Amino acid sequence: LAQVLRSLGVPNSRLPDDLAGRTALYRSLMHGKRMLVVLD
């Protein structure tokens, strides 16, 4: 999630420290977006 959030323009200073916080931020940024995500 840290890797993905940085690629979406979130600076390190704005990254939550916990999994729940990062998940919530990621889903908020992606809400309504039509994005293709490849998890290899």
Full PDB file with SEQRES, HELIX, SHEET, SSBOND, CRYST1, ORIGX, SCALE, CONECT and MASTER records, all heavy atoms in Angstrom:
SEQRES   1 A   40  LEU ALA GLN VAL LEU ARG SER LEU GLY VAL PRO ASN SER          
SEQRES   2 A   40  ARG LEU PRO ASP ASP LEU ALA GLY ARG THR ALA LEU TYR          
SEQRES   3 A   40  ARG SER LEU MET HIS GLY LYS ARG MET LEU VAL VAL LEU          
SEQRES   4 A   40  ASP                                                          
HELIX    1 AA1 ALA A    2  SER A    7  1                                   6    
HELIX    2 AA2 ASN A   12  ARG A   14  5                                   3    
HELIX    3 AA3 LEU A   19  MET A   30  1                                  12    
CRYST1    1.000    1.000    1.000  90.00  90.00  90.00 P 1           1          
ORIGX1      1.000000  0.000000  0.000000        0.00000                         
ORIGX2      0.000000  1.000000  0.000000        0.00000                         
ORIGX3      0.000000  0.000000  1.000000        0.00000                         
SCALE1      1.000000  0.000000  0.000000        0.00000                         
SCALE2      0.000000  1.000000  0.000000        0.00000                         
SCALE3      0.000000  0.000000  1.000000        0.00000                         
ATOM      1  N   LEU A   1       0.829  -1.212   0.000  1.00  0.00           N  
ATOM      2  CA  LEU A   1       0.000   0.000   0.000  1.00  0.00           C  
ATOM      3  C   LEU A   1       0.859   1.256   0.000  1.00  0.00           C  
ATOM      4  O   LEU A   1       0.510   2.249  -0.652  1.00  0.00           O  
ATOM      5  CB  LEU A   1      -0.931  -0.001   1.218  1.00  0.00           C  
ATOM      6  CG  LEU A   1      -2.211  -0.814   1.066  1.00  0.00           C  
ATOM      7  CD1 LEU A   1      -2.924  -0.943   2.402  1.00  0.00           C  
ATOM      8  CD2 LEU A   1      -3.144  -0.164   0.036  1.00  0.00           C  
ATOM      9  N   ALA A   2       1.980   1.224   0.710  1.00  0.00           N  
ATOM     10  CA  ALA A   2       2.876   2.386   0.683  1.00  0.00           C  
ATOM     11  C   ALA A   2       3.364   2.642  -0.734  1.00  0.00           C  
ATOM     12  O   ALA A   2       3.397   3.785  -1.200  1.00  0.00           O  
ATOM     13  CB  ALA A   2       4.053   2.161   1.630  1.00  0.00           C  
ATOM     14  N   GLN A   3       3.734   1.578  -1.430  1.00  0.00           N  
ATOM     15  CA  GLN A   3       4.204   1.707  -2.808  1.00  0.00           C  
ATOM     16  C   GLN A   3       3.116   2.286  -3.707  1.00  0.00           C  
ATOM     17  O   GLN A   3       3.361   3.194  -4.512  1.00  0.00           O  
ATOM     18  CB  GLN A   3       4.627   0.328  -3.312  1.00  0.00           C  
ATOM     19  CG  GLN A   3       5.095   0.286  -4.758  1.00  0.00           C  
ATOM     20  CD  GLN A   3       5.494  -1.118  -5.170  1.00  0.00           C  
ATOM     21  OE1 GLN A   3       6.095  -1.856  -4.395  1.00  0.00           O  
ATOM     22  NE2 GLN A   3       5.140  -1.511  -6.381  1.00  0.00           N  
ATOM     23  N   VAL A   4       1.892   1.776  -3.567  1.00  0.00           N  
ATOM     24  CA  VAL A   4       0.785   2.233  -4.416  1.00  0.00           C  
ATOM     25  C   VAL A   4       0.411   3.672  -4.107  1.00  0.00           C  
ATOM     26  O   VAL A   4       0.188   4.487  -5.011  1.00  0.00           O  
ATOM     27  CB  VAL A   4      -0.423   1.296  -4.243  1.00  0.00           C  
ATOM     28  CG1 VAL A   4      -1.652   1.884  -4.915  1.00  0.00           C  
ATOM     29  CG2 VAL A   4      -0.125  -0.074  -4.832  1.00  0.00           C  
ATOM     30  N   LEU A   5       0.338   4.010  -2.825  1.00  0.00           N  
ATOM     31  CA  LEU A   5      -0.061   5.372  -2.456  1.00  0.00           C  
ATOM     32  C   LEU A   5       0.964   6.394  -2.944  1.00  0.00           C  
ATOM     33  O   LEU A   5       0.593   7.490  -3.389  1.00  0.00           O  
ATOM     34  CB  LEU A   5      -0.248   5.462  -0.938  1.00  0.00           C  
ATOM     35  CG  LEU A   5      -1.486   4.746  -0.394  1.00  0.00           C  
ATOM     36  CD1 LEU A   5      -1.452   4.669   1.120  1.00  0.00           C  
ATOM     37  CD2 LEU A   5      -2.756   5.446  -0.863  1.00  0.00           C  
ATOM     38  N   ARG A   6       2.252   6.054  -2.871  1.00  0.00           N  
ATOM     39  CA  ARG A   6       3.260   6.975  -3.401  1.00  0.00           C  
ATOM     40  C   ARG A   6       3.063   7.172  -4.898  1.00  0.00           C  
ATOM     41  O   ARG A   6       3.192   8.287  -5.414  1.00  0.00           O  
ATOM     42  CB  ARG A   6       4.665   6.437  -3.121  1.00  0.00           C  
ATOM     43  CG  ARG A   6       5.080   6.480  -1.664  1.00  0.00           C  
ATOM     44  CD  ARG A   6       6.562   6.142  -1.519  1.00  0.00           C  
ATOM     45  NE  ARG A   6       6.920   5.826  -0.144  1.00  0.00           N  
ATOM     46  CZ  ARG A   6       7.082   4.601   0.319  1.00  0.00           C  
ATOM     47  NH1 ARG A   6       6.949   3.563  -0.492  1.00  0.00           N  
ATOM     48  NH2 ARG A   6       7.390   4.393   1.587  1.00  0.00           N  
ATOM     49  N   SER A   7       2.757   6.104  -5.598  1.00  0.00           N  
ATOM     50  CA  SER A   7       2.571   6.225  -7.046  1.00  0.00           C  
ATOM     51  C   SER A   7       1.315   7.011  -7.386  1.00  0.00           C  
ATOM     52  O   SER A   7       1.180   7.518  -8.500  1.00  0.00           O  
ATOM     53  CB  SER A   7       2.520   4.837  -7.685  1.00  0.00           C  
ATOM     54  OG  SER A   7       1.348   4.148  -7.306  1.00  0.00           O  
ATOM     55  N   LEU A   8       0.387   7.123  -6.445  1.00  0.00           N  
ATOM     56  CA  LEU A   8      -0.809   7.937  -6.649  1.00  0.00           C  
ATOM     57  C   LEU A   8      -0.604   9.385  -6.212  1.00  0.00           C  
ATOM     58  O   LEU A   8      -1.550  10.167  -6.211  1.00  0.00           O  
ATOM     59  CB  LEU A   8      -1.990   7.330  -5.884  1.00  0.00           C  
ATOM     60  CG  LEU A   8      -2.523   6.001  -6.434  1.00  0.00           C  
ATOM     61  CD1 LEU A   8      -3.595   5.437  -5.509  1.00  0.00           C  
ATOM     62  CD2 LEU A   8      -3.067   6.170  -7.836  1.00  0.00           C  
ATOM     63  N   GLY A   9       0.614   9.739  -5.825  1.00  0.00           N  
ATOM     64  CA  GLY A   9       0.921  11.126  -5.509  1.00  0.00           C  
ATOM     65  C   GLY A   9       0.911  11.465  -4.040  1.00  0.00           C  
ATOM     66  O   GLY A   9       0.996  12.640  -3.673  1.00  0.00           O  
ATOM     67  N   VAL A  10       0.818  10.457  -3.162  1.00  0.00           N  
ATOM     68  CA  VAL A  10       0.801  10.722  -1.723  1.00  0.00           C  
ATOM     69  C   VAL A  10       2.233  10.795  -1.212  1.00  0.00           C  
ATOM     70  O   VAL A  10       2.978   9.817  -1.329  1.00  0.00           O  
ATOM     71  CB  VAL A  10       0.026   9.623  -0.962  1.00  0.00           C  
ATOM     72  CG1 VAL A  10       0.011   9.914   0.537  1.00  0.00           C  
ATOM     73  CG2 VAL A  10      -1.397   9.510  -1.494  1.00  0.00           C  
ATOM     74  N   PRO A  11       2.665  11.919  -0.642  1.00  0.00           N  
ATOM     75  CA  PRO A  11       4.046  12.004  -0.131  1.00  0.00           C  
ATOM     76  C   PRO A  11       4.228  11.154   1.120  1.00  0.00           C  
ATOM     77  O   PRO A  11       3.266  10.805   1.811  1.00  0.00           O  
ATOM     78  CB  PRO A  11       4.203  13.498   0.190  1.00  0.00           C  
ATOM     79  CG  PRO A  11       2.823  14.000   0.404  1.00  0.00           C  
ATOM     80  CD  PRO A  11       1.924  13.187  -0.473  1.00  0.00           C  
ATOM     81  N   ASN A  12       5.465  10.820   1.428  1.00  0.00           N  
ATOM     82  CA  ASN A  12       5.755   9.986   2.597  1.00  0.00           C  
ATOM     83  C   ASN A  12       5.212  10.583   3.881  1.00  0.00           C  
ATOM     84  O   ASN A  12       4.788   9.863   4.787  1.00  0.00           O  
ATOM     85  CB  ASN A  12       7.270   9.771   2.730  1.00  0.00           C  
ATOM     86  CG  ASN A  12       7.809   8.799   1.707  1.00  0.00           C  
ATOM     87  OD1 ASN A  12       7.093   7.932   1.239  1.00  0.00           O  
ATOM     88  ND2 ASN A  12       9.072   8.953   1.345  1.00  0.00           N  
ATOM     89  N   SER A  13       5.237  11.912   3.968  1.00  0.00           N  
ATOM     90  CA  SER A  13       4.771  12.568   5.193  1.00  0.00           C  
ATOM     91  C   SER A  13       3.283  12.377   5.429  1.00  0.00           C  
ATOM     92  O   SER A  13       2.793  12.607   6.529  1.00  0.00           O  
ATOM     93  CB  SER A  13       5.086  14.068   5.131  1.00  0.00           C  
ATOM     94  OG  SER A  13       4.427  14.669   4.026  1.00  0.00           O  
ATOM     95  N   ARG A  14       2.548  11.963   4.384  1.00  0.00           N  
ATOM     96  CA  ARG A  14       1.100  11.805   4.511  1.00  0.00           C  
ATOM     97  C   ARG A  14       0.677  10.341   4.597  1.00  0.00           C  
ATOM     98  O   ARG A  14      -0.522  10.056   4.594  1.00  0.00           O  
ATOM     99  CB  ARG A  14       0.415  12.445   3.296  1.00  0.00           C  
ATOM    100  CG  ARG A  14       0.901  13.844   2.958  1.00  0.00           C  
ATOM    101  CD  ARG A  14       0.376  14.892   3.916  1.00  0.00           C  
ATOM    102  NE  ARG A  14      -1.030  15.159   3.738  1.00  0.00           N  
ATOM    103  CZ  ARG A  14      -1.544  15.935   2.780  1.00  0.00           C  
ATOM    104  NH1 ARG A  14      -0.743  16.512   1.901  1.00  0.00           N  
ATOM    105  NH2 ARG A  14      -2.840  16.142   2.698  1.00  0.00           N  
ATOM    106  N   LEU A  15       1.650   9.418   4.633  1.00  0.00           N  
ATOM    107  CA  LEU A  15       1.305   8.001   4.687  1.00  0.00           C  
ATOM    108  C   LEU A  15       0.928   7.593   6.109  1.00  0.00           C  
ATOM    109  O   LEU A  15       1.721   7.767   7.041  1.00  0.00           O  
ATOM    110  CB  LEU A  15       2.486   7.144   4.236  1.00  0.00           C  
ATOM    111  CG  LEU A  15       2.787   7.077   2.740  1.00  0.00           C  
ATOM    112  CD1 LEU A  15       4.058   6.267   2.512  1.00  0.00           C  
ATOM    113  CD2 LEU A  15       1.631   6.469   1.981  1.00  0.00           C  
ATOM    114  N   PRO A  16      -0.250   7.028   6.326  1.00  0.00           N  
ATOM    115  CA  PRO A  16      -0.573   6.487   7.652  1.00  0.00           C  
ATOM    116  C   PRO A  16       0.383   5.352   8.011  1.00  0.00           C  
ATOM    117  O   PRO A  16       0.916   4.664   7.132  1.00  0.00           O  
ATOM    118  CB  PRO A  16      -2.010   5.967   7.476  1.00  0.00           C  
ATOM    119  CG  PRO A  16      -2.554   6.706   6.294  1.00  0.00           C  
ATOM    120  CD  PRO A  16      -1.387   6.932   5.390  1.00  0.00           C  
ATOM    121  N   ASP A  17       0.580   5.144   9.311  1.00  0.00           N  
ATOM    122  CA  ASP A  17       1.526   4.124   9.756  1.00  0.00           C  
ATOM    123  C   ASP A  17       0.921   2.727   9.804  1.00  0.00           C  
ATOM    124  O   ASP A  17       1.653   1.739   9.790  1.00  0.00           O  
ATOM    125  CB  ASP A  17       2.059   4.476  11.152  1.00  0.00           C  
ATOM    126  CG  ASP A  17       2.897   5.742  11.133  1.00  0.00           C  
ATOM    127  OD1 ASP A  17       3.550   5.996  10.095  1.00  0.00           O  
ATOM    128  OD2 ASP A  17       2.884   6.477  12.136  1.00  0.00           O  
ATOM    129  N   ASP A  18      -0.399   2.636   9.864  1.00  0.00           N  
ATOM    130  CA  ASP A  18      -1.037   1.341  10.068  1.00  0.00           C  
ATOM    131  C   ASP A  18      -1.739   0.856   8.807  1.00  0.00           C  
ATOM    132  O   ASP A  18      -2.045   1.629   7.898  1.00  0.00           O  
ATOM    133  CB  ASP A  18      -2.043   1.423  11.215  1.00  0.00           C  
ATOM    134  CG  ASP A  18      -3.160   2.421  10.914  1.00  0.00           C  
ATOM    135  OD1 ASP A  18      -2.832   3.583  10.553  1.00  0.00           O  
ATOM    136  OD2 ASP A  18      -4.340   2.058  10.996  1.00  0.00           O  
ATOM    137  N   LEU A  19      -1.989  -0.447   8.738  1.00  0.00           N  
ATOM    138  CA  LEU A  19      -2.614  -1.053   7.569  1.00  0.00           C  
ATOM    139  C   LEU A  19      -4.019  -0.512   7.341  1.00  0.00           C  
ATOM    140  O   LEU A  19      -4.399  -0.194   6.201  1.00  0.00           O  
ATOM    141  CB  LEU A  19      -2.659  -2.579   7.732  1.00  0.00           C  
ATOM    142  CG  LEU A  19      -3.303  -3.368   6.592  1.00  0.00           C  
ATOM    143  CD1 LEU A  19      -2.535  -3.169   5.295  1.00  0.00           C  
ATOM    144  CD2 LEU A  19      -3.390  -4.850   6.948  1.00  0.00           C  
ATOM    145  N   ALA A  20      -4.804  -0.387   8.413  1.00  0.00           N  
ATOM    146  CA  ALA A  20      -6.178   0.096   8.261  1.00  0.00           C  
ATOM    147  C   ALA A  20      -6.198   1.520   7.705  1.00  0.00           C  
ATOM    148  O   ALA A  20      -7.019   1.853   6.842  1.00  0.00           O  
ATOM    149  CB  ALA A  20      -6.901   0.040   9.602  1.00  0.00           C  
ATOM    150  N   GLY A  21      -5.277   2.366   8.195  1.00  0.00           N  
ATOM    151  CA  GLY A  21      -5.229   3.749   7.719  1.00  0.00           C  
ATOM    152  C   GLY A  21      -4.841   3.827   6.250  1.00  0.00           C  
ATOM    153  O   GLY A  21      -5.429   4.599   5.478  1.00  0.00           O  
ATOM    154  N   ARG A  22      -3.850   3.047   5.863  1.00  0.00           N  
ATOM    155  CA  ARG A  22      -3.427   3.069   4.457  1.00  0.00           C  
ATOM    156  C   ARG A  22      -4.517   2.502   3.543  1.00  0.00           C  
ATOM    157  O   ARG A  22      -4.748   3.012   2.443  1.00  0.00           O  
ATOM    158  CB  ARG A  22      -2.137   2.278   4.291  1.00  0.00           C  
ATOM    159  CG  ARG A  22      -0.938   2.967   4.923  1.00  0.00           C  
ATOM    160  CD  ARG A  22       0.362   2.207   4.702  1.00  0.00           C  
ATOM    161  NE  ARG A  22       1.457   2.864   5.415  1.00  0.00           N  
ATOM    162  CZ  ARG A  22       2.710   2.455   5.437  1.00  0.00           C  
ATOM    163  NH1 ARG A  22       3.044   1.354   4.768  1.00  0.00           N  
ATOM    164  NH2 ARG A  22       3.625   3.107   6.111  1.00  0.00           N  
ATOM    165  N   THR A  23      -5.193   1.441   4.019  1.00  0.00           N  
ATOM    166  CA  THR A  23      -6.278   0.867   3.219  1.00  0.00           C  
ATOM    167  C   THR A  23      -7.391   1.878   3.021  1.00  0.00           C  
ATOM    168  O   THR A  23      -7.928   2.039   1.911  1.00  0.00           O  
ATOM    169  CB  THR A  23      -6.826  -0.401   3.891  1.00  0.00           C  
ATOM    170  OG1 THR A  23      -5.762  -1.334   4.093  1.00  0.00           O  
ATOM    171  CG2 THR A  23      -7.895  -1.052   3.048  1.00  0.00           C  
ATOM    172  N   ALA A  24      -7.759   2.575   4.081  1.00  0.00           N  
ATOM    173  CA  ALA A  24      -8.839   3.565   3.984  1.00  0.00           C  
ATOM    174  C   ALA A  24      -8.458   4.703   3.041  1.00  0.00           C  
ATOM    175  O   ALA A  24      -9.278   5.156   2.228  1.00  0.00           O  
ATOM    176  CB  ALA A  24      -9.160   4.112   5.367  1.00  0.00           C  
ATOM    177  N   LEU A  25      -7.213   5.169   3.138  1.00  0.00           N  
ATOM    178  CA  LEU A  25      -6.767   6.253   2.260  1.00  0.00           C  
ATOM    179  C   LEU A  25      -6.751   5.795   0.807  1.00  0.00           C  
ATOM    180  O   LEU A  25      -7.204   6.519  -0.092  1.00  0.00           O  
ATOM    181  CB  LEU A  25      -5.373   6.714   2.686  1.00  0.00           C  
ATOM    182  CG  LEU A  25      -4.735   7.824   1.835  1.00  0.00           C  
ATOM    183  CD1 LEU A  25      -5.616   9.060   1.795  1.00  0.00           C  
ATOM    184  CD2 LEU A  25      -3.348   8.178   2.378  1.00  0.00           C  
ATOM    185  N   TYR A  26      -6.258   4.592   0.573  1.00  0.00           N  
ATOM    186  CA  TYR A  26      -6.214   4.045  -0.792  1.00  0.00           C  
ATOM    187  C   TYR A  26      -7.615   3.948  -1.384  1.00  0.00           C  
ATOM    188  O   TYR A  26      -7.860   4.371  -2.521  1.00  0.00           O  
ATOM    189  CB  TYR A  26      -5.546   2.676  -0.736  1.00  0.00           C  
ATOM    190  CG  TYR A  26      -5.635   1.848  -1.990  1.00  0.00           C  
ATOM    191  CD1 TYR A  26      -4.994   2.235  -3.164  1.00  0.00           C  
ATOM    192  CD2 TYR A  26      -6.347   0.642  -1.999  1.00  0.00           C  
ATOM    193  CE1 TYR A  26      -5.064   1.456  -4.311  1.00  0.00           C  
ATOM    194  CE2 TYR A  26      -6.416  -0.145  -3.141  1.00  0.00           C  
ATOM    195  CZ  TYR A  26      -5.782   0.276  -4.288  1.00  0.00           C  
ATOM    196  OH  TYR A  26      -5.852  -0.497  -5.414  1.00  0.00           O  
ATOM    197  N   ARG A  27      -8.545   3.415  -0.618  1.00  0.00           N  
ATOM    198  CA  ARG A  27      -9.909   3.249  -1.143  1.00  0.00           C  
ATOM    199  C   ARG A  27     -10.594   4.589  -1.344  1.00  0.00           C  
ATOM    200  O   ARG A  27     -11.407   4.753  -2.264  1.00  0.00           O  
ATOM    201  CB  ARG A  27     -10.710   2.346  -0.218  1.00  0.00           C  
ATOM    202  CG  ARG A  27     -10.233   0.899  -0.298  1.00  0.00           C  
ATOM    203  CD  ARG A  27     -10.915  -0.030   0.663  1.00  0.00           C  
ATOM    204  NE  ARG A  27     -10.419  -1.400   0.470  1.00  0.00           N  
ATOM    205  CZ  ARG A  27     -10.559  -2.374   1.340  1.00  0.00           C  
ATOM    206  NH1 ARG A  27     -11.189  -2.146   2.492  1.00  0.00           N  
ATOM    207  NH2 ARG A  27     -10.086  -3.577   1.078  1.00  0.00           N  
ATOM    208  N   SER A  28     -10.256   5.564  -0.508  1.00  0.00           N  
ATOM    209  CA  SER A  28     -10.826   6.901  -0.706  1.00  0.00           C  
ATOM    210  C   SER A  28     -10.311   7.528  -2.000  1.00  0.00           C  
ATOM    211  O   SER A  28     -11.072   8.126  -2.768  1.00  0.00           O  
ATOM    212  CB  SER A  28     -10.472   7.801   0.482  1.00  0.00           C  
ATOM    213  OG  SER A  28     -11.045   7.309   1.673  1.00  0.00           O  
ATOM    214  N   LEU A  29      -9.003   7.391  -2.242  1.00  0.00           N  
ATOM    215  CA  LEU A  29      -8.434   7.952  -3.463  1.00  0.00           C  
ATOM    216  C   LEU A  29      -8.956   7.247  -4.717  1.00  0.00           C  
ATOM    217  O   LEU A  29      -9.106   7.865  -5.770  1.00  0.00           O  
ATOM    218  CB  LEU A  29      -6.908   7.841  -3.432  1.00  0.00           C  
ATOM    219  CG  LEU A  29      -6.170   8.756  -2.456  1.00  0.00           C  
ATOM    220  CD1 LEU A  29      -4.691   8.401  -2.425  1.00  0.00           C  
ATOM    221  CD2 LEU A  29      -6.351  10.213  -2.839  1.00  0.00           C  
ATOM    222  N   MET A  30      -9.243   5.967  -4.596  1.00  0.00           N  
ATOM    223  CA  MET A  30      -9.681   5.179  -5.751  1.00  0.00           C  
ATOM    224  C   MET A  30     -11.192   5.195  -5.948  1.00  0.00           C  
ATOM    225  O   MET A  30     -11.686   4.690  -6.957  1.00  0.00           O  
ATOM    226  CB  MET A  30      -9.212   3.733  -5.584  1.00  0.00           C  
ATOM    227  CG  MET A  30      -7.708   3.555  -5.593  1.00  0.00           C  
ATOM    228  SD  MET A  30      -7.017   3.629  -7.247  1.00  0.00           S  
ATOM    229  CE  MET A  30      -7.424   1.994  -7.837  1.00  0.00           C  
ATOM    230  N   HIS A  31     -11.924   5.774  -5.008  1.00  0.00           N  
ATOM    231  CA  HIS A  31     -13.386   5.742  -5.087  1.00  0.00           C  
ATOM    232  C   HIS A  31     -13.869   6.400  -6.377  1.00  0.00           C  
ATOM    233  O   HIS A  31     -13.495   7.526  -6.700  1.00  0.00           O  
ATOM    234  CB  HIS A  31     -14.002   6.462  -3.894  1.00  0.00           C  
ATOM    235  CG  HIS A  31     -15.503   6.483  -3.933  1.00  0.00           C  
ATOM    236  ND1 HIS A  31     -16.255   5.351  -3.742  1.00  0.00           N  
ATOM    237  CD2 HIS A  31     -16.391   7.492  -4.175  1.00  0.00           C  
ATOM    238  CE1 HIS A  31     -17.532   5.651  -3.840  1.00  0.00           C  
ATOM    239  NE2 HIS A  31     -17.644   6.943  -4.108  1.00  0.00           N  
ATOM    240  N   GLY A  32     -14.695   5.678  -7.113  1.00  0.00           N  
ATOM    241  CA  GLY A  32     -15.243   6.221  -8.346  1.00  0.00           C  
ATOM    242  C   GLY A  32     -14.303   6.151  -9.531  1.00  0.00           C  
ATOM    243  O   GLY A  32     -14.689   6.497 -10.650  1.00  0.00           O  
ATOM    244  N   LYS A  33     -13.062   5.721  -9.297  1.00  0.00           N  
ATOM    245  CA  LYS A  33     -12.086   5.644 -10.388  1.00  0.00           C  
ATOM    246  C   LYS A  33     -12.234   4.322 -11.132  1.00  0.00           C  
ATOM    247  O   LYS A  33     -12.530   3.287 -10.543  1.00  0.00           O  
ATOM    248  CB  LYS A  33     -10.652   5.755  -9.852  1.00  0.00           C  
ATOM    249  CG  LYS A  33     -10.366   7.057  -9.120  1.00  0.00           C  
ATOM    250  CD  LYS A  33     -10.345   8.224 -10.081  1.00  0.00           C  
ATOM    251  CE  LYS A  33     -10.016   9.514  -9.356  1.00  0.00           C  
ATOM    252  NZ  LYS A  33     -10.088  10.675 -10.257  1.00  0.00           N  
ATOM    253  N   ARG A  34     -12.011   4.362 -12.428  1.00  0.00           N  
ATOM    254  CA  ARG A  34     -11.982   3.143 -13.236  1.00  0.00           C  
ATOM    255  C   ARG A  34     -10.510   2.837 -13.512  1.00  0.00           C  
ATOM    256  O   ARG A  34      -9.935   3.285 -14.492  1.00  0.00           O  
ATOM    257  CB  ARG A  34     -12.789   3.326 -14.515  1.00  0.00           C  
ATOM    258  CG  ARG A  34     -14.256   3.610 -14.244  1.00  0.00           C  
ATOM    259  CD  ARG A  34     -15.075   3.571 -15.514  1.00  0.00           C  
ATOM    260  NE  ARG A  34     -15.052   2.226 -16.074  1.00  0.00           N  
ATOM    261  CZ  ARG A  34     -15.496   1.934 -17.289  1.00  0.00           C  
ATOM    262  NH1 ARG A  34     -15.937   2.903 -18.070  1.00  0.00           N  
ATOM    263  NH2 ARG A  34     -15.463   0.696 -17.735  1.00  0.00           N  
ATOM    264  N   MET A  35      -9.923   2.080 -12.608  1.00  0.00           N  
ATOM    265  CA  MET A  35      -8.489   1.807 -12.631  1.00  0.00           C  
ATOM    266  C   MET A  35      -8.280   0.307 -12.829  1.00  0.00           C  
ATOM    267  O   MET A  35      -9.050  -0.519 -12.337  1.00  0.00           O  
ATOM    268  CB  MET A  35      -7.859   2.249 -11.312  1.00  0.00           C  
ATOM    269  CG  MET A  35      -6.361   2.366 -11.326  1.00  0.00           C  
ATOM    270  SD  MET A  35      -5.807   3.988 -11.868  1.00  0.00           S  
ATOM    271  CE  MET A  35      -6.095   4.959 -10.376  1.00  0.00           C  
ATOM    272  N   LEU A  36      -7.228  -0.033 -13.543  1.00  0.00           N  
ATOM    273  CA  LEU A  36      -6.827  -1.429 -13.717  1.00  0.00           C  
ATOM    274  C   LEU A  36      -5.632  -1.682 -12.810  1.00  0.00           C  
ATOM    275  O   LEU A  36      -4.604  -1.010 -12.922  1.00  0.00           O  
ATOM    276  CB  LEU A  36      -6.470  -1.694 -15.173  1.00  0.00           C  
ATOM    277  CG  LEU A  36      -6.097  -3.132 -15.556  1.00  0.00           C  
ATOM    278  CD1 LEU A  36      -7.239  -4.086 -15.247  1.00  0.00           C  
ATOM    279  CD2 LEU A  36      -5.741  -3.206 -17.028  1.00  0.00           C  
ATOM    280  N   VAL A  37      -5.767  -2.649 -11.899  1.00  0.00           N  
ATOM    281  CA  VAL A  37      -4.724  -2.950 -10.918  1.00  0.00           C  
ATOM    282  C   VAL A  37      -4.226  -4.373 -11.167  1.00  0.00           C  
ATOM    283  O   VAL A  37      -5.016  -5.319 -11.157  1.00  0.00           O  
ATOM    284  CB  VAL A  37      -5.265  -2.825  -9.476  1.00  0.00           C  
ATOM    285  CG1 VAL A  37      -4.145  -3.070  -8.462  1.00  0.00           C  
ATOM    286  CG2 VAL A  37      -5.908  -1.463  -9.253  1.00  0.00           C  
ATOM    287  N   VAL A  38      -2.924  -4.526 -11.399  1.00  0.00           N  
ATOM    288  CA  VAL A  38      -2.324  -5.847 -11.595  1.00  0.00           C  
ATOM    289  C   VAL A  38      -1.470  -6.166 -10.369  1.00  0.00           C  
ATOM    290  O   VAL A  38      -0.521  -5.438 -10.062  1.00  0.00           O  
ATOM    291  CB  VAL A  38      -1.463  -5.897 -12.871  1.00  0.00           C  
ATOM    292  CG1 VAL A  38      -0.821  -7.283 -13.023  1.00  0.00           C  
ATOM    293  CG2 VAL A  38      -2.310  -5.580 -14.102  1.00  0.00           C  
ATOM    294  N   LEU A  39      -1.823  -7.241  -9.675  1.00  0.00           N  
ATOM    295  CA  LEU A  39      -1.081  -7.692  -8.496  1.00  0.00           C  
ATOM    296  C   LEU A  39      -0.410  -9.007  -8.858  1.00  0.00           C  
ATOM    297  O   LEU A  39      -1.056 -10.060  -8.934  1.00  0.00           O  
ATOM    298  CB  LEU A  39      -2.033  -7.871  -7.299  1.00  0.00           C  
ATOM    299  CG  LEU A  39      -2.892  -6.650  -6.944  1.00  0.00           C  
ATOM    300  CD1 LEU A  39      -3.824  -6.980  -5.783  1.00  0.00           C  
ATOM    301  CD2 LEU A  39      -2.009  -5.452  -6.602  1.00  0.00           C  
ATOM    302  N   ASP A  40       0.881  -8.945  -9.100  1.00  0.00           N  
ATOM    303  CA  ASP A  40       1.614 -10.080  -9.646  1.00  0.00           C  
ATOM    304  C   ASP A  40       2.263 -10.903  -8.537  1.00  0.00           C  
ATOM    305  O   ASP A  40       2.852 -10.345  -7.609  1.00  0.00           O  
ATOM    306  CB  ASP A  40       2.697  -9.551 -10.603  1.00  0.00           C  
ATOM    307  CG  ASP A  40       3.168 -10.598 -11.590  1.00  0.00           C  
ATOM    308  OD1 ASP A  40       2.555 -11.681 -11.643  1.00  0.00           O  
ATOM    309  OD2 ASP A  40       4.145 -10.328 -12.305  1.00  0.00           O  
TER     310      ASP A  40                                                      
MASTER        0    0    0    3    0    0    0    6  309    1    0    4          
END                                                                             
